[in-house]
PDB file of all heavy atoms in Angstrom:
ATOM      1  N   PHE A   1      41.153  84.032  29.092  1.00  0.00           N
ATOM      2  CA  PHE A   1      41.172  84.273  27.650  1.00  0.00           C
ATOM      3  C   PHE A   1      40.740  83.027  26.866  1.00  0.00           C
ATOM      4  O   PHE A   1      39.865  83.083  26.006  1.00  0.00           O
ATOM      5  CB  PHE A   1      42.572  84.730  27.182  1.00  0.00           C
ATOM      6  CG  PHE A   1      42.645  84.934  25.694  1.00  0.00           C
ATOM      7  CD1 PHE A   1      42.260  86.150  25.130  1.00  0.00           C
ATOM      8  CD2 PHE A   1      43.030  83.902  24.837  1.00  0.00           C
ATOM      9  CE1 PHE A   1      42.282  86.333  23.745  1.00  0.00           C
ATOM     10  CE2 PHE A   1      43.060  84.083  23.458  1.00  0.00           C
ATOM     11  CZ  PHE A   1      42.682  85.305  22.920  1.00  0.00           C
ATOM     12  N   PHE A   2      41.366  81.882  27.163  1.00  0.00           N
ATOM     13  CA  PHE A   2      41.091  80.676  26.363  1.00  0.00           C
ATOM     14  C   PHE A   2      39.677  80.126  26.584  1.00  0.00           C
ATOM     15  O   PHE A   2      39.105  79.510  25.687  1.00  0.00           O
ATOM     16  CB  PHE A   2      42.143  79.593  26.615  1.00  0.00           C
ATOM     17  CG  PHE A   2      43.442  79.839  25.885  1.00  0.00           C
ATOM     18  CD1 PHE A   2      44.658  79.695  26.530  1.00  0.00           C
ATOM     19  CD2 PHE A   2      43.448  80.213  24.542  1.00  0.00           C
ATOM     20  CE1 PHE A   2      45.855  79.923  25.856  1.00  0.00           C
ATOM     21  CE2 PHE A   2      44.642  80.446  23.865  1.00  0.00           C
ATOM     22  CZ  PHE A   2      45.845  80.296  24.521  1.00  0.00           C
ATOM     23  N   ASP A   3      39.114  80.349  27.765  1.00  0.00           N
ATOM     24  CA  ASP A   3      37.724  79.912  27.992  1.00  0.00           C
ATOM     25  C   ASP A   3      36.769  80.633  27.035  1.00  0.00           C
ATOM     26  O   ASP A   3      35.716  80.119  26.681  1.00  0.00           O
ATOM     27  CB  ASP A   3      37.311  80.191  29.445  1.00  0.00           C
ATOM     28  CG  ASP A   3      37.870  79.132  30.391  1.00  0.00           C
ATOM     29  OD1 ASP A   3      38.447  78.130  29.894  1.00  0.00           O
ATOM     30  OD2 ASP A   3      37.758  79.290  31.632  1.00  0.00           O
ATOM     31  N   ARG A   4      37.150  81.824  26.620  1.00  0.00           N
ATOM     32  CA  ARG A   4      36.286  82.607  25.720  1.00  0.00           C
ATOM     33  C   ARG A   4      36.705  82.494  24.256  1.00  0.00           C
ATOM     34  O   ARG A   4      36.021  82.972  23.375  1.00  0.00           O
ATOM     35  CB  ARG A   4      36.351  84.090  26.104  1.00  0.00           C
ATOM     36  CG  ARG A   4      35.798  84.385  27.489  1.00  0.00           C
ATOM     37  CD  ARG A   4      36.094  85.833  27.838  1.00  0.00           C
ATOM     38  NE  ARG A   4      35.696  86.145  29.201  1.00  0.00           N
ATOM     39  CZ  ARG A   4      36.032  87.256  29.829  1.00  0.00           C
ATOM     40  NH1 ARG A   4      36.769  88.154  29.215  1.00  0.00           N
ATOM     41  NH2 ARG A   4      35.641  87.483  31.068  1.00  0.00           N
ATOM     42  N   ASN A   5      37.916  81.948  24.008  1.00  0.00           N
ATOM     43  CA  ASN A   5      38.439  81.905  22.632  1.00  0.00           C
ATOM     44  C   ASN A   5      38.923  80.503  22.293  1.00  0.00           C
ATOM     45  O   ASN A   5      40.128  80.248  22.182  1.00  0.00           O
ATOM     46  CB  ASN A   5      39.596  82.914  22.474  1.00  0.00           C
ATOM     47  CG  ASN A   5      39.139  84.352  22.668  1.00  0.00           C
ATOM     48  OD1 ASN A   5      38.689  84.998  21.743  1.00  0.00           O
ATOM     49  ND2 ASN A   5      39.267  84.836  23.888  1.00  0.00           N
ATOM     50  N   LEU A   6      37.946  79.594  22.127  1.00  0.00           N
ATOM     51  CA  LEU A   6      38.295  78.179  21.933  1.00  0.00           C
ATOM     52  C   LEU A   6      39.033  77.932  20.618  1.00  0.00           C
ATOM     53  O   LEU A   6      39.872  77.035  20.538  1.00  0.00           O
ATOM     54  CB  LEU A   6      37.039  77.307  22.009  1.00  0.00           C
ATOM     55  CG  LEU A   6      36.438  77.175  23.424  1.00  0.00           C
ATOM     56  CD1 LEU A   6      35.161  76.378  23.391  1.00  0.00           C
ATOM     57  CD2 LEU A   6      37.435  76.538  24.386  1.00  0.00           C
ATOM     58  N   ASP A   7      38.741  78.726  19.593  1.00  0.00           N
ATOM     59  CA  ASP A   7      39.427  78.527  18.303  1.00  0.00           C
ATOM     60  C   ASP A   7      40.933  78.745  18.446  1.00  0.00           C
ATOM     61  O   ASP A   7      41.746  77.971  17.943  1.00  0.00           O
ATOM     62  CB  ASP A   7      38.880  79.492  17.238  1.00  0.00           C
ATOM     63  CG  ASP A   7      37.492  79.050  16.780  1.00  0.00           C
ATOM     64  OD1 ASP A   7      37.098  77.930  17.159  1.00  0.00           O
ATOM     65  OD2 ASP A   7      36.817  79.824  16.073  1.00  0.00           O
ATOM     66  N   THR A   8      41.295  79.824  19.161  1.00  0.00           N
ATOM     67  CA  THR A   8      42.728  80.111  19.366  1.00  0.00           C
ATOM     68  C   THR A   8      43.359  78.989  20.187  1.00  0.00           C
ATOM     69  O   THR A   8      44.473  78.531  19.897  1.00  0.00           O
ATOM     70  CB  THR A   8      42.906  81.467  20.088  1.00  0.00           C
ATOM     71  OG1 THR A   8      42.127  82.451  19.418  1.00  0.00           O
ATOM     72  CG2 THR A   8      44.361  81.899  20.116  1.00  0.00           C
ATOM     73  N   LEU A   9      42.631  78.527  21.213  1.00  0.00           N
ATOM     74  CA  LEU A   9      43.141  77.428  22.051  1.00  0.00           C
ATOM     75  C   LEU A   9      43.445  76.189  21.200  1.00  0.00           C
ATOM     76  O   LEU A   9      44.510  75.577  21.309  1.00  0.00           O
ATOM     77  CB  LEU A   9      42.108  77.084  23.134  1.00  0.00           C
ATOM     78  CG  LEU A   9      42.423  75.854  23.993  1.00  0.00           C
ATOM     79  CD1 LEU A   9      43.663  76.084  24.838  1.00  0.00           C
ATOM     80  CD2 LEU A   9      41.240  75.493  24.897  1.00  0.00           C
ATOM     81  N   LYS A  10      42.495  75.840  20.307  1.00  0.00           N
ATOM     82  CA  LYS A  10      42.697  74.645  19.464  1.00  0.00           C
ATOM     83  C   LYS A  10      43.891  74.822  18.521  1.00  0.00           C
ATOM     84  O   LYS A  10      44.643  73.885  18.265  1.00  0.00           O
ATOM     85  CB  LYS A  10      41.412  74.333  18.682  1.00  0.00           C
ATOM     86  CG  LYS A  10      40.347  73.676  19.573  1.00  0.00           C
ATOM     87  CD  LYS A  10      39.024  73.517  18.867  1.00  0.00           C
ATOM     88  CE  LYS A  10      37.972  72.954  19.828  1.00  0.00           C
ATOM     89  NZ  LYS A  10      36.608  73.118  19.312  1.00  0.00           N
ATOM     90  N   THR A  11      44.075  76.048  18.018  1.00  0.00           N
ATOM     91  CA  THR A  11      45.224  76.335  17.139  1.00  0.00           C
ATOM     92  C   THR A  11      46.534  76.071  17.874  1.00  0.00           C
ATOM     93  O   THR A  11      47.448  75.426  17.361  1.00  0.00           O
ATOM     94  CB  THR A  11      45.185  77.825  16.685  1.00  0.00           C
ATOM     95  OG1 THR A  11      43.949  78.061  16.029  1.00  0.00           O
ATOM     96  CG2 THR A  11      46.332  78.160  15.760  1.00  0.00           C
ATOM     97  N   VAL A  12      46.601  76.565  19.123  1.00  0.00           N
ATOM     98  CA  VAL A  12      47.833  76.412  19.918  1.00  0.00           C
ATOM     99  C   VAL A  12      48.080  74.933  20.228  1.00  0.00           C
ATOM    100  O   VAL A  12      49.202  74.426  20.087  1.00  0.00           O
ATOM    101  CB  VAL A  12      47.737  77.230  21.234  1.00  0.00           C
ATOM    102  CG1 VAL A  12      48.924  76.947  22.149  1.00  0.00           C
ATOM    103  CG2 VAL A  12      47.652  78.724  20.918  1.00  0.00           C
ATOM    104  N   LEU A  13      47.032  74.225  20.619  1.00  0.00           N
ATOM    105  CA  LEU A  13      47.207  72.811  20.997  1.00  0.00           C
ATOM    106  C   LEU A  13      47.552  71.941  19.790  1.00  0.00           C
ATOM    107  O   LEU A  13      48.324  70.987  19.912  1.00  0.00           O
ATOM    108  CB  LEU A  13      45.949  72.290  21.710  1.00  0.00           C
ATOM    109  CG  LEU A  13      45.751  72.841  23.134  1.00  0.00           C
ATOM    110  CD1 LEU A  13      44.417  72.372  23.702  1.00  0.00           C
ATOM    111  CD2 LEU A  13      46.890  72.433  24.065  1.00  0.00           C
ATOM    112  N   SER A  14      47.005  72.268  18.619  1.00  0.00           N
ATOM    113  CA  SER A  14      47.342  71.440  17.450  1.00  0.00           C
ATOM    114  C   SER A  14      48.801  71.678  17.051  1.00  0.00           C
ATOM    115  O   SER A  14      49.494  70.774  16.586  1.00  0.00           O
ATOM    116  CB  SER A  14      46.397  71.700  16.280  1.00  0.00           C
ATOM    117  OG  SER A  14      46.617  72.984  15.764  1.00  0.00           O
ATOM    118  N   SER A  15      49.276  72.887  17.290  1.00  0.00           N
ATOM    119  CA  SER A  15      50.690  73.193  17.033  1.00  0.00           C
ATOM    120  C   SER A  15      51.572  72.366  17.983  1.00  0.00           C
ATOM    121  O   SER A  15      52.590  71.805  17.572  1.00  0.00           O
ATOM    122  CB  SER A  15      50.921  74.694  17.249  1.00  0.00           C
ATOM    123  OG  SER A  15      52.252  75.027  17.059  1.00  0.00           O
ATOM    124  N   ALA A  16      51.152  72.264  19.248  1.00  0.00           N
ATOM    125  CA  ALA A  16      51.904  71.466  20.236  1.00  0.00           C
ATOM    126  C   ALA A  16      51.884  69.988  19.869  1.00  0.00           C
ATOM    127  O   ALA A  16      52.895  69.280  19.987  1.00  0.00           O
ATOM    128  CB  ALA A  16      51.310  71.673  21.629  1.00  0.00           C
ATOM    129  N   GLU A  17      50.722  69.521  19.386  1.00  0.00           N
ATOM    130  CA  GLU A  17      50.581  68.098  19.020  1.00  0.00           C
ATOM    131  C   GLU A  17      51.535  67.755  17.868  1.00  0.00           C
ATOM    132  O   GLU A  17      52.230  66.735  17.886  1.00  0.00           O
ATOM    133  CB  GLU A  17      49.120  67.853  18.594  1.00  0.00           C
ATOM    134  CG  GLU A  17      48.742  66.391  18.529  1.00  0.00           C
ATOM    135  CD  GLU A  17      47.246  66.229  18.193  1.00  0.00           C
ATOM    136  OE1 GLU A  17      46.605  67.219  17.755  1.00  0.00           O
ATOM    137  OE2 GLU A  17      46.751  65.116  18.375  1.00  0.00           O
ATOM    138  N   LYS A  18      51.586  68.661  16.880  1.00  0.00           N
ATOM    139  CA  LYS A  18      52.470  68.452  15.730  1.00  0.00           C
ATOM    140  C   LYS A  18      53.935  68.419  16.195  1.00  0.00           C
ATOM    141  O   LYS A  18      54.721  67.560  15.785  1.00  0.00           O
ATOM    142  CB  LYS A  18      52.249  69.599  14.726  1.00  0.00           C
ATOM    143  CG  LYS A  18      52.927  69.399  13.389  1.00  0.00           C
ATOM    144  CD  LYS A  18      52.467  70.454  12.370  1.00  0.00           C
ATOM    145  CE  LYS A  18      53.152  71.773  12.603  1.00  0.00           C
ATOM    146  NZ  LYS A  18      52.752  72.838  11.692  1.00  0.00           N
ATOM    147  N   ALA A  19      54.293  69.355  17.087  1.00  0.00           N
ATOM    148  CA  ALA A  19      55.672  69.427  17.576  1.00  0.00           C
ATOM    149  C   ALA A  19      56.053  68.163  18.341  1.00  0.00           C
ATOM    150  O   ALA A  19      57.172  67.659  18.220  1.00  0.00           O
ATOM    151  CB  ALA A  19      55.827  70.649  18.479  1.00  0.00           C
ATOM    152  N   ALA A  20      55.103  67.639  19.122  1.00  0.00           N
ATOM    153  CA  ALA A  20      55.391  66.433  19.916  1.00  0.00           C
ATOM    154  C   ALA A  20      55.671  65.244  18.992  1.00  0.00           C
ATOM    155  O   ALA A  20      56.576  64.435  19.253  1.00  0.00           O
ATOM    156  CB  ALA A  20      54.223  66.129  20.846  1.00  0.00           C
ATOM    157  N   LYS A  21      54.907  65.133  17.903  1.00  0.00           N
ATOM    158  CA  LYS A  21      55.135  64.025  16.945  1.00  0.00           C
ATOM    159  C   LYS A  21      56.532  64.122  16.347  1.00  0.00           C
ATOM    160  O   LYS A  21      57.263  63.136  16.260  1.00  0.00           O
ATOM    161  CB  LYS A  21      54.087  64.075  15.821  1.00  0.00           C
ATOM    162  CG  LYS A  21      52.783  63.398  16.211  1.00  0.00           C
ATOM    163  CD  LYS A  21      51.777  63.449  15.075  1.00  0.00           C
ATOM    164  CE  LYS A  21      50.404  62.950  15.562  1.00  0.00           C
ATOM    165  NZ  LYS A  21      49.313  63.485  14.754  1.00  0.00           N
ATOM    166  N   ILE A  22      56.888  65.324  15.912  1.00  0.00           N
ATOM    167  CA  ILE A  22      58.220  65.520  15.307  1.00  0.00           C
ATOM    168  C   ILE A  22      59.299  65.206  16.344  1.00  0.00           C
ATOM    169  O   ILE A  22      60.295  64.555  16.047  1.00  0.00           O
ATOM    170  CB  ILE A  22      58.369  66.965  14.778  1.00  0.00           C
ATOM    171  CG1 ILE A  22      57.392  67.193  13.622  1.00  0.00           C
ATOM    172  CG2 ILE A  22      59.793  67.252  14.326  1.00  0.00           C
ATOM    173  CD1 ILE A  22      57.258  68.618  13.169  1.00  0.00           C
ATOM    174  N   ARG A  23      59.074  65.661  17.591  1.00  0.00           N
ATOM    175  CA  ARG A  23      60.075  65.423  18.646  1.00  0.00           C
ATOM    176  C   ARG A  23      60.314  63.933  18.842  1.00  0.00           C
ATOM    177  O   ARG A  23      61.460  63.483  18.918  1.00  0.00           O
ATOM    178  CB  ARG A  23      59.605  66.052  19.960  1.00  0.00           C
ATOM    179  CG  ARG A  23      60.412  65.580  21.173  1.00  0.00           C
ATOM    180  CD  ARG A  23      60.011  66.322  22.423  1.00  0.00           C
ATOM    181  NE  ARG A  23      58.617  66.196  22.756  1.00  0.00           N
ATOM    182  CZ  ARG A  23      58.112  65.221  23.520  1.00  0.00           C
ATOM    183  NH1 ARG A  23      58.881  64.254  23.967  1.00  0.00           N
ATOM    184  NH2 ARG A  23      56.821  65.201  23.801  1.00  0.00           N
ATOM    185  N   LYS A  24      59.214  63.168  18.872  1.00  0.00           N
ATOM    186  CA  LYS A  24      59.384  61.717  19.115  1.00  0.00           C
ATOM    187  C   LYS A  24      60.167  61.062  17.976  1.00  0.00           C
ATOM    188  O   LYS A  24      61.025  60.214  18.200  1.00  0.00           O
ATOM    189  CB  LYS A  24      58.016  61.067  19.317  1.00  0.00           C
ATOM    190  CG  LYS A  24      57.465  61.374  20.715  1.00  0.00           C
ATOM    191  CD  LYS A  24      55.992  61.049  20.849  1.00  0.00           C
ATOM    192  CE  LYS A  24      55.449  61.624  22.155  1.00  0.00           C
ATOM    193  NZ  LYS A  24      54.004  61.672  22.152  1.00  0.00           N
ATOM    194  N   THR A  25      59.868  61.466  16.745  1.00  0.00           N
ATOM    195  CA  THR A  25      60.594  60.913  15.590  1.00  0.00           C
ATOM    196  C   THR A  25      62.067  61.273  15.683  1.00  0.00           C
ATOM    197  O   THR A  25      62.949  60.438  15.461  1.00  0.00           O
ATOM    198  CB  THR A  25      60.029  61.526  14.276  1.00  0.00           C
ATOM    199  OG1 THR A  25      58.610  61.467  14.347  1.00  0.00           O
ATOM    200  CG2 THR A  25      60.518  60.784  13.060  1.00  0.00           C
ATOM    201  N   GLU A  26      62.333  62.539  16.037  1.00  0.00           N
ATOM    202  CA  GLU A  26      63.728  62.984  16.072  1.00  0.00           C
ATOM    203  C   GLU A  26      64.481  62.383  17.246  1.00  0.00           C
ATOM    204  O   GLU A  26      65.674  62.138  17.161  1.00  0.00           O
ATOM    205  CB  GLU A  26      63.790  64.517  16.107  1.00  0.00           C
ATOM    206  CG  GLU A  26      63.235  65.128  14.833  1.00  0.00           C
ATOM    207  CD  GLU A  26      63.688  66.560  14.614  1.00  0.00           C
ATOM    208  OE1 GLU A  26      64.110  67.210  15.585  1.00  0.00           O
ATOM    209  OE2 GLU A  26      63.620  67.019  13.450  1.00  0.00           O
ATOM    210  N   GLU A  27      63.777  62.163  18.358  1.00  0.00           N
ATOM    211  CA  GLU A  27      64.450  61.532  19.510  1.00  0.00           C
ATOM    212  C   GLU A  27      64.945  60.139  19.142  1.00  0.00           C
ATOM    213  O   GLU A  27      66.025  59.719  19.537  1.00  0.00           O
ATOM    214  CB  GLU A  27      63.501  61.475  20.717  1.00  0.00           C
ATOM    215  CG  GLU A  27      63.547  62.759  21.530  1.00  0.00           C
ATOM    216  CD  GLU A  27      62.504  62.799  22.634  1.00  0.00           C
ATOM    217  OE1 GLU A  27      61.692  61.857  22.734  1.00  0.00           O
ATOM    218  OE2 GLU A  27      62.496  63.788  23.382  1.00  0.00           O
ATOM    219  N   LYS A  28      64.116  59.438  18.342  1.00  0.00           N
ATOM    220  CA  LYS A  28      64.549  58.100  17.891  1.00  0.00           C
ATOM    221  C   LYS A  28      65.807  58.225  17.046  1.00  0.00           C
ATOM    222  O   LYS A  28      66.777  57.481  17.213  1.00  0.00           O
ATOM    223  CB  LYS A  28      63.441  57.439  17.057  1.00  0.00           C
ATOM    224  CG  LYS A  28      62.417  56.708  17.900  1.00  0.00           C
ATOM    225  CD  LYS A  28      61.389  56.038  17.005  1.00  0.00           C
ATOM    226  CE  LYS A  28      60.128  55.706  17.797  1.00  0.00           C
ATOM    227  NZ  LYS A  28      58.972  55.546  16.922  1.00  0.00           N
ATOM    228  N   ALA A  29      65.797  59.191  16.122  1.00  0.00           N
ATOM    229  CA  ALA A  29      66.957  59.388  15.241  1.00  0.00           C
ATOM    230  C   ALA A  29      68.193  59.735  16.065  1.00  0.00           C
ATOM    231  O   ALA A  29      69.290  59.233  15.829  1.00  0.00           O
ATOM    232  CB  ALA A  29      66.667  60.519  14.261  1.00  0.00           C
ATOM    233  N   LYS A  30      67.981  60.573  17.083  1.00  0.00           N
ATOM    234  CA  LYS A  30      69.087  61.003  17.937  1.00  0.00           C
ATOM    235  C   LYS A  30      69.654  59.818  18.704  1.00  0.00           C
ATOM    236  O   LYS A  30      70.861  59.624  18.799  1.00  0.00           O
ATOM    237  CB  LYS A  30      68.545  62.064  18.908  1.00  0.00           C
ATOM    238  CG  LYS A  30      69.560  63.001  19.479  1.00  0.00           C
ATOM    239  CD  LYS A  30      68.795  64.144  20.126  1.00  0.00           C
ATOM    240  CE  LYS A  30      69.679  64.985  21.004  1.00  0.00           C
ATOM    241  NZ  LYS A  30      68.944  66.060  21.650  1.00  0.00           N
ATOM    242  N   THR A  31      68.752  58.986  19.245  1.00  0.00           N
ATOM    243  CA  THR A  31      69.185  57.812  20.009  1.00  0.00           C
ATOM    244  C   THR A  31      70.011  56.877  19.123  1.00  0.00           C
ATOM    245  O   THR A  31      71.056  56.382  19.524  1.00  0.00           O
ATOM    246  CB  THR A  31      67.963  57.053  20.571  1.00  0.00           C
ATOM    247  OG1 THR A  31      67.114  58.013  21.198  1.00  0.00           O
ATOM    248  CG2 THR A  31      68.372  56.017  21.592  1.00  0.00           C
ATOM    249  N   ASN A  32      69.529  56.659  17.885  1.00  0.00           N
ATOM    250  CA  ASN A  32      70.269  55.771  16.977  1.00  0.00           C
ATOM    251  C   ASN A  32      71.664  56.309  16.695  1.00  0.00           C
ATOM    252  O   ASN A  32      72.629  55.564  16.611  1.00  0.00           O
ATOM    253  CB  ASN A  32      69.528  55.626  15.634  1.00  0.00           C
ATOM    254  CG  ASN A  32      68.201  54.916  15.845  1.00  0.00           C
ATOM    255  OD1 ASN A  32      68.005  54.272  16.879  1.00  0.00           O
ATOM    256  ND2 ASN A  32      67.287  55.051  14.901  1.00  0.00           N
ATOM    257  N   LEU A  33      71.752  57.639  16.555  1.00  0.00           N
ATOM    258  CA  LEU A  33      73.047  58.229  16.218  1.00  0.00           C
ATOM    259  C   LEU A  33      73.992  58.288  17.402  1.00  0.00           C
ATOM    260  O   LEU A  33      75.197  58.214  17.252  1.00  0.00           O
ATOM    261  CB  LEU A  33      72.831  59.665  15.722  1.00  0.00           C
ATOM    262  CG  LEU A  33      72.597  59.787  14.230  1.00  0.00           C
ATOM    263  CD1 LEU A  33      71.992  61.135  13.931  1.00  0.00           C
ATOM    264  CD2 LEU A  33      73.900  59.626  13.473  1.00  0.00           C
ATOM    265  N   LEU A  34      73.410  58.445  18.575  1.00  0.00           N
ATOM    266  CA  LEU A  34      74.252  58.692  19.745  1.00  0.00           C
ATOM    267  C   LEU A  34      74.335  57.484  20.676  1.00  0.00           C
ATOM    268  O   LEU A  34      74.528  57.633  21.869  1.00  0.00           O
ATOM    269  CB  LEU A  34      73.730  59.910  20.525  1.00  0.00           C
ATOM    270  CG  LEU A  34      73.593  61.200  19.727  1.00  0.00           C
ATOM    271  CD1 LEU A  34      73.154  62.330  20.642  1.00  0.00           C
ATOM    272  CD2 LEU A  34      74.902  61.581  19.066  1.00  0.00           C
ATOM    273  N   THR A  35      74.140  56.285  20.121  1.00  0.00           N
ATOM    274  CA  THR A  35      74.169  55.106  21.001  1.00  0.00           C
ATOM    275  C   THR A  35      75.516  54.970  21.700  1.00  0.00           C
ATOM    276  O   THR A  35      75.602  54.447  22.783  1.00  0.00           O
ATOM    277  CB  THR A  35      73.881  53.815  20.199  1.00  0.00           C
ATOM    278  OG1 THR A  35      74.620  53.898  18.986  1.00  0.00           O
ATOM    279  CG2 THR A  35      72.414  53.672  19.912  1.00  0.00           C
ATOM    280  N   LYS A  36      76.577  55.479  21.046  1.00  0.00           N
ATOM    281  CA  LYS A  36      77.899  55.361  21.682  1.00  0.00           C
ATOM    282  C   LYS A  36      78.193  56.576  22.553  1.00  0.00           C
ATOM    283  O   LYS A  36      79.328  57.036  22.575  1.00  0.00           O
ATOM    284  CB  LYS A  36      78.977  55.273  20.616  1.00  0.00           C
ATOM    285  CG  LYS A  36      78.892  54.076  19.726  1.00  0.00           C
ATOM    286  CD  LYS A  36      80.026  54.142  18.734  1.00  0.00           C
ATOM    287  CE  LYS A  36      79.851  53.142  17.629  1.00  0.00           C
ATOM    288  NZ  LYS A  36      80.763  53.440  16.531  1.00  0.00           N
ATOM    289  N   GLN A  37      77.195  57.162  23.187  1.00  0.00           N
ATOM    290  CA  GLN A  37      77.386  58.355  24.015  1.00  0.00           C
ATOM    291  C   GLN A  37      77.560  59.599  23.144  1.00  0.00           C
ATOM    292  O   GLN A  37      78.106  59.543  22.070  1.00  0.00           O
ATOM    293  CB  GLN A  37      78.616  58.221  24.924  1.00  0.00           C
ATOM    294  CG  GLN A  37      78.346  57.470  26.207  1.00  0.00           C
ATOM    295  CD  GLN A  37      77.566  58.324  27.189  1.00  0.00           C
ATOM    296  OE1 GLN A  37      78.027  59.344  27.630  1.00  0.00           O
ATOM    297  NE2 GLN A  37      76.381  57.906  27.538  1.00  0.00           N
ATOM    298  N   LYS A  38      77.116  60.726  23.677  1.00  0.00           N
ATOM    299  CA  LYS A  38      77.094  61.914  22.830  1.00  0.00           C
ATOM    300  C   LYS A  38      78.483  62.478  22.507  1.00  0.00           C
ATOM    301  O   LYS A  38      78.663  63.208  21.580  1.00  0.00           O
ATOM    302  CB  LYS A  38      76.231  62.998  23.462  1.00  0.00           C
ATOM    303  CG  LYS A  38      76.706  63.478  24.796  1.00  0.00           C
ATOM    304  CD  LYS A  38      75.747  64.526  25.290  1.00  0.00           C
ATOM    305  CE  LYS A  38      76.148  65.013  26.674  1.00  0.00           C
ATOM    306  NZ  LYS A  38      75.186  64.811  27.682  1.00  0.00           N
ATOM    307  N   TYR A  39      79.495  62.135  23.318  1.00  0.00           N
ATOM    308  CA  TYR A  39      80.809  62.698  23.032  1.00  0.00           C
ATOM    309  C   TYR A  39      81.686  61.768  22.198  1.00  0.00           C
ATOM    310  O   TYR A  39      82.867  61.938  22.122  1.00  0.00           O
ATOM    311  CB  TYR A  39      81.520  63.088  24.334  1.00  0.00           C
ATOM    312  CG  TYR A  39      80.798  64.208  25.012  1.00  0.00           C
ATOM    313  CD1 TYR A  39      80.294  64.078  26.301  1.00  0.00           C
ATOM    314  CD2 TYR A  39      80.554  65.401  24.316  1.00  0.00           C
ATOM    315  CE1 TYR A  39      79.602  65.121  26.879  1.00  0.00           C
ATOM    316  CE2 TYR A  39      79.850  66.440  24.900  1.00  0.00           C
ATOM    317  CZ  TYR A  39      79.383  66.297  26.178  1.00  0.00           C
ATOM    318  OH  TYR A  39      78.686  67.331  26.757  1.00  0.00           O
ATOM    319  N   SER A  40      81.068  60.729  21.604  1.00  0.00           N
ATOM    320  CA  SER A  40      81.895  59.822  20.817  1.00  0.00           C
ATOM    321  C   SER A  40      81.942  60.243  19.354  1.00  0.00           C
ATOM    322  O   SER A  40      82.281  59.458  18.510  1.00  0.00           O
ATOM    323  CB  SER A  40      81.324  58.412  20.911  1.00  0.00           C
ATOM    324  OG  SER A  40      80.116  58.362  20.198  1.00  0.00           O
ATOM    325  N   PHE A  41      81.550  61.504  19.072  1.00  0.00           N
ATOM    326  CA  PHE A  41      81.654  61.977  17.690  1.00  0.00           C
ATOM    327  C   PHE A  41      83.065  61.721  17.176  1.00  0.00           C
ATOM    328  O   PHE A  41      84.038  62.104  17.820  1.00  0.00           O
ATOM    329  CB  PHE A  41      81.422  63.491  17.629  1.00  0.00           C
ATOM    330  CG  PHE A  41      79.993  63.870  17.777  1.00  0.00           C
ATOM    331  CD1 PHE A  41      79.599  64.747  18.769  1.00  0.00           C
ATOM    332  CD2 PHE A  41      79.036  63.355  16.917  1.00  0.00           C
ATOM    333  CE1 PHE A  41      78.280  65.112  18.902  1.00  0.00           C
ATOM    334  CE2 PHE A  41      77.723  63.725  17.040  1.00  0.00           C
ATOM    335  CZ  PHE A  41      77.341  64.598  18.032  1.00  0.00           C
ATOM    336  N   ASP A  42      83.189  61.129  16.013  1.00  0.00           N
ATOM    337  CA  ASP A  42      84.533  60.943  15.486  1.00  0.00           C
ATOM    338  C   ASP A  42      84.968  62.218  14.793  1.00  0.00           C
ATOM    339  O   ASP A  42      84.187  62.886  14.147  1.00  0.00           O
ATOM    340  CB  ASP A  42      84.544  59.778  14.485  1.00  0.00           C
ATOM    341  CG  ASP A  42      83.511  59.992  13.394  1.00  0.00           C
ATOM    342  OD1 ASP A  42      82.399  60.428  13.750  1.00  0.00           O
ATOM    343  OD2 ASP A  42      83.801  59.732  12.212  1.00  0.00           O
TER     344      ASP A  42
END
């Protein structure tokens, strides 16, 4: 399918690229918040 429909392929991959950027930003935020282990929520 994707070999014949490159536009759809690019749409899907750009969606993945955007998600990966957000994930990396949020992982940093998560790490900062959870430095004292995830169960140390007060």
